[in-house]
Amino acid sequence: MRMCAAFTVDMRTGLTALKSYLFPQESQTYLPNPHIQYYGCTGAYAVRFHEYMKNKDYAGAIEQASVSARNLNFYDSTVMSKFGAELSYSSLKCIEKPDKTLISPLEAIEELEAKK
């Protein structure tokens, strides 16, 4: 599944998640991470990001933002409720198959049902 998130990065203040971000056209095949998009939360990734920045490991810092964007907390029922709703109603082609074609959640369900 292709997921995205938006952040600001600052040497002094660290990593900040941007809530309700309006993603540009090139993000049309990515589902916004609900934890970040609706709640502006980066969890422990912000702490790790700051540590990497302090050590001047900028590649590691950016990786923490990237990991945060694609990670879902399946134990957080509030976030998972949002994710489930977004996924259920989305016609967004955000699921990448092994052959690199993109399909919507409904198309993925139909393919799985056809394999039964």
Protein backbone atom coordinates (compact mmCIF):
# COMPACT_ATOMS: atom_id res chain seq x y z
CA MET A 1 0.00 0.00 0.00
CA ARG A 2 1.29 3.41 -0.92
CA MET A 3 1.07 5.85 1.98
CA CYS A 4 2.20 9.43 2.39
CA ALA A 5 2.52 12.09 5.07
CA ALA A 6 3.65 15.68 5.28
CA PHE A 7 6.17 17.09 7.73
CA THR A 8 8.20 20.18 8.40
CA VAL A 9 11.79 19.65 9.38
CA ASP A 10 13.77 22.19 11.33
CA MET A 11 17.23 21.93 12.90
CA ARG A 12 15.99 23.55 16.12
CA THR A 13 12.44 22.31 16.53
CA GLY A 14 12.78 18.90 14.89
CA LEU A 15 10.16 16.92 13.03
CA THR A 16 6.59 18.22 12.99
CA ALA A 17 3.70 16.34 11.39
CA LEU A 18 1.34 18.45 9.29
CA LYS A 19 -2.34 17.73 9.89
CA SER A 20 -4.96 18.17 7.17
CA TYR A 21 -2.30 18.64 4.52
CA LEU A 22 -3.54 19.13 0.95
CA PHE A 23 -1.30 16.84 -1.05
CA PRO A 24 -0.21 17.85 -4.55
CA GLN A 25 -1.28 16.10 -7.75
CA GLU A 26 1.80 13.83 -7.78
CA SER A 27 0.56 12.25 -4.53
CA GLN A 28 -2.69 11.03 -6.11
CA THR A 29 -1.68 7.36 -5.83
CA TYR A 30 -0.88 7.54 -2.10
CA LEU A 31 -3.25 7.27 0.86
CA PRO A 32 -2.42 9.78 3.62
CA ASN A 33 -1.31 8.12 6.84
CA PRO A 34 -4.29 8.73 9.18
CA HIS A 35 -2.15 8.99 12.31
CA ILE A 36 -0.34 11.96 10.81
CA GLN A 37 -3.04 13.43 8.56
CA TYR A 38 -5.77 13.55 11.23
CA TYR A 39 -3.87 13.62 14.51
CA GLY A 40 -0.50 15.18 13.65
CA CYS A 41 1.30 12.50 15.62
CA THR A 42 4.76 11.12 14.86
CA GLY A 43 5.09 9.09 18.04
CA ALA A 44 8.60 8.06 19.04
CA TYR A 45 9.89 8.79 15.54
CA ALA A 46 10.21 12.49 16.40
CA VAL A 47 12.52 11.63 19.32
CA ARG A 48 14.67 9.40 17.12
CA PHE A 49 14.66 12.07 14.41
CA HIS A 50 16.03 14.62 16.91
CA GLU A 51 18.76 12.20 18.03
CA TYR A 52 19.88 11.62 14.45
CA MET A 53 19.91 15.37 13.79
CA LYS A 54 21.96 15.97 16.93
CA ASN A 55 24.50 13.44 15.65
CA LYS A 56 24.46 15.06 12.18
CA ASP A 57 23.16 11.82 10.67
CA TYR A 58 20.83 13.54 8.21
CA ALA A 59 20.13 10.41 6.18
CA GLY A 60 19.04 8.63 9.37
CA ALA A 61 16.86 11.60 10.33
CA ILE A 62 15.06 11.62 6.99
CA GLU A 63 14.63 7.85 7.24
CA GLN A 64 12.78 8.32 10.56
CA ALA A 65 10.31 10.65 8.84
CA SER A 66 9.90 8.14 6.02
CA VAL A 67 9.32 5.23 8.42
CA SER A 68 6.78 7.30 10.34
CA ALA A 69 4.88 8.07 7.12
CA ARG A 70 4.45 4.43 6.15
CA ASN A 71 3.84 2.95 9.59
CA LEU A 72 0.38 2.23 11.00
CA ASN A 73 -0.30 1.51 14.64
CA PHE A 74 -2.77 -1.37 14.45
CA TYR A 75 -3.26 -1.21 18.24
CA ASP A 76 -4.66 2.34 18.09
CA SER A 77 -8.38 1.84 17.52
CA THR A 78 -9.03 5.52 16.80
CA VAL A 79 -6.47 5.60 14.02
CA MET A 80 -7.50 2.23 12.64
CA SER A 81 -11.14 3.30 12.52
CA LYS A 82 -10.12 6.27 10.39
CA PHE A 83 -7.87 4.08 8.24
CA GLY A 84 -10.63 1.52 7.72
CA ALA A 85 -13.11 4.21 6.73
CA GLU A 86 -10.63 5.85 4.34
CA LEU A 87 -9.78 2.52 2.78
CA SER A 88 -13.43 1.46 2.50
CA TYR A 89 -14.57 4.57 0.67
CA SER A 90 -11.47 5.17 -1.39
CA SER A 91 -11.39 4.69 -5.13
CA LEU A 92 -7.77 5.78 -4.97
CA LYS A 93 -5.42 3.40 -6.76
CA CYS A 94 -3.00 3.16 -3.84
CA ILE A 95 -2.26 -0.56 -3.70
CA GLU A 96 0.76 -1.59 -5.72
CA LYS A 97 0.81 -5.15 -6.99
CA PRO A 98 4.05 -7.11 -7.47
CA ASP A 99 3.95 -6.30 -11.20
CA LYS A 100 3.85 -2.56 -10.26
CA THR A 101 0.29 -1.97 -11.45
CA LEU A 102 -1.89 0.08 -9.13
CA ILE A 103 -5.35 -0.93 -7.99
CA SER A 104 -7.98 0.51 -5.66
CA PRO A 105 -8.96 -1.21 -2.38
CA LEU A 106 -12.19 -2.42 -4.01
CA GLU A 107 -10.27 -3.90 -6.94
CA ALA A 108 -7.93 -5.64 -4.48
CA ILE A 109 -10.90 -7.18 -2.66
CA GLU A 110 -12.44 -8.30 -5.95
CA GLU A 111 -9.16 -9.95 -6.98
CA LEU A 112 -8.88 -11.73 -3.64
CA GLU A 113 -12.49 -12.90 -3.83
CA ALA A 114 -11.93 -14.23 -7.37
CA LYS A 115 -9.03 -16.39 -6.11
CA LYS A 116 -11.22 -18.27 -3.62
